[in-house]
Amino acid sequence: MDKVIEHLSLDVPDYYSDAGMRELVLAITDYLSEKLMGIRSKEADAAKLLAELIRNQRLG
């Protein structure tokens, strides 16, 4: 998962400089986690894990 976090700065413009972009990524991961639960549980779990990693990421 560290590689995924590392690549967010490459794949998401202004990921570190714009808090709104981080919030958007969190909203997407939360949405995916909720919608995939019961359908594709492994993907839902991965989305939930990514959201938690982003929330707990130390910036600066």
C-alpha atoms as a PDB file:
ATOM      1  CA  MET A   1       0.000   0.000   0.000  1.00  0.00           C
ATOM      2  CA  ASP A   2       2.934   2.359   0.462  1.00  0.00           C
ATOM      3  CA  LYS A   3       3.430   2.342  -3.303  1.00  0.00           C
ATOM      4  CA  VAL A   4      -0.223   3.292  -3.806  1.00  0.00           C
ATOM      5  CA  ILE A   5       0.119   6.257  -1.454  1.00  0.00           C
ATOM      6  CA  GLU A   6       3.362   7.226  -3.184  1.00  0.00           C
ATOM      7  CA  HIS A   7       1.685   7.174  -6.582  1.00  0.00           C
ATOM      8  CA  LEU A   8      -1.232   9.334  -5.479  1.00  0.00           C
ATOM      9  CA  SER A   9       1.004  12.378  -5.764  1.00  0.00           C
ATOM     10  CA  LEU A  10       1.799  11.388  -9.349  1.00  0.00           C
ATOM     11  CA  ASP A  11      -1.716  10.416 -10.390  1.00  0.00           C
ATOM     12  CA  VAL A  12      -3.740  13.110  -8.624  1.00  0.00           C
ATOM     13  CA  PRO A  13      -2.841  16.690  -9.535  1.00  0.00           C
ATOM     14  CA  ASP A  14      -2.116  18.873  -6.479  1.00  0.00           C
ATOM     15  CA  TYR A  15      -2.622  15.942  -4.099  1.00  0.00           C
ATOM     16  CA  TYR A  16      -0.344  17.430  -1.453  1.00  0.00           C
ATOM     17  CA  SER A  17      -0.876  21.136  -2.108  1.00  0.00           C
ATOM     18  CA  ASP A  18      -4.689  21.117  -2.296  1.00  0.00           C
ATOM     19  CA  ALA A  19      -6.559  19.655   0.680  1.00  0.00           C
ATOM     20  CA  GLY A  20      -9.665  19.476  -1.500  1.00  0.00           C
ATOM     21  CA  MET A  21      -7.992  16.919  -3.753  1.00  0.00           C
ATOM     22  CA  ARG A  22      -7.188  14.694  -0.769  1.00  0.00           C
ATOM     23  CA  GLU A  23     -10.807  15.020   0.374  1.00  0.00           C
ATOM     24  CA  LEU A  24     -11.973  14.043  -3.114  1.00  0.00           C
ATOM     25  CA  VAL A  25      -9.793  10.927  -3.075  1.00  0.00           C
ATOM     26  CA  LEU A  26     -11.165  10.064   0.367  1.00  0.00           C
ATOM     27  CA  ALA A  27     -14.726  10.532  -0.845  1.00  0.00           C
ATOM     28  CA  ILE A  28     -14.064   8.239  -3.809  1.00  0.00           C
ATOM     29  CA  THR A  29     -12.494   5.522  -1.654  1.00  0.00           C
ATOM     30  CA  ASP A  30     -15.344   5.725   0.861  1.00  0.00           C
ATOM     31  CA  TYR A  31     -17.880   5.495  -1.974  1.00  0.00           C
ATOM     32  CA  LEU A  32     -16.141   2.495  -3.524  1.00  0.00           C
ATOM     33  CA  SER A  33     -15.870   0.742  -0.188  1.00  0.00           C
ATOM     34  CA  GLU A  34     -19.577   1.163   0.466  1.00  0.00           C
ATOM     35  CA  LYS A  35     -20.776   0.245  -3.033  1.00  0.00           C
ATOM     36  CA  LEU A  36     -18.521  -2.788  -3.431  1.00  0.00           C
ATOM     37  CA  MET A  37     -19.316  -4.347  -0.051  1.00  0.00           C
ATOM     38  CA  GLY A  38     -21.248  -7.536  -0.663  1.00  0.00           C
ATOM     39  CA  ILE A  39     -20.413  -7.527  -4.375  1.00  0.00           C
ATOM     40  CA  ARG A  40     -16.613  -7.618  -4.432  1.00  0.00           C
ATOM     41  CA  SER A  41     -15.561  -7.691  -0.809  1.00  0.00           C
ATOM     42  CA  LYS A  42     -11.802  -7.817  -1.438  1.00  0.00           C
ATOM     43  CA  GLU A  43     -11.964  -4.611  -3.480  1.00  0.00           C
ATOM     44  CA  ALA A  44     -14.198  -3.014  -0.847  1.00  0.00           C
ATOM     45  CA  ASP A  45     -11.673  -3.922   1.849  1.00  0.00           C
ATOM     46  CA  ALA A  46      -8.821  -2.486  -0.242  1.00  0.00           C
ATOM     47  CA  ALA A  47     -10.724   0.778  -0.727  1.00  0.00           C
ATOM     48  CA  LYS A  48     -11.409   0.981   3.010  1.00  0.00           C
ATOM     49  CA  LEU A  49      -7.748   0.330   3.796  1.00  0.00           C
ATOM     50  CA  LEU A  50      -6.635   3.008   1.332  1.00  0.00           C
ATOM     51  CA  ALA A  51      -9.023   5.518   2.888  1.00  0.00           C
ATOM     52  CA  GLU A  52      -7.603   4.792   6.347  1.00  0.00           C
ATOM     53  CA  LEU A  53      -4.042   5.137   5.087  1.00  0.00           C
ATOM     54  CA  ILE A  54      -4.873   8.514   3.555  1.00  0.00           C
ATOM     55  CA  ARG A  55      -6.624   9.692   6.739  1.00  0.00           C
ATOM     56  CA  ASN A  56      -3.620   8.678   8.843  1.00  0.00           C
ATOM     57  CA  GLN A  57      -0.987  10.016   6.437  1.00  0.00           C
ATOM     58  CA  ARG A  58       1.268  12.635   7.960  1.00  0.00           C
ATOM     59  CA  LEU A  59       1.777  15.669   5.797  1.00  0.00           C
ATOM     60  CA  GLY A  60       4.588  18.144   6.098  1.00  0.00           C
END
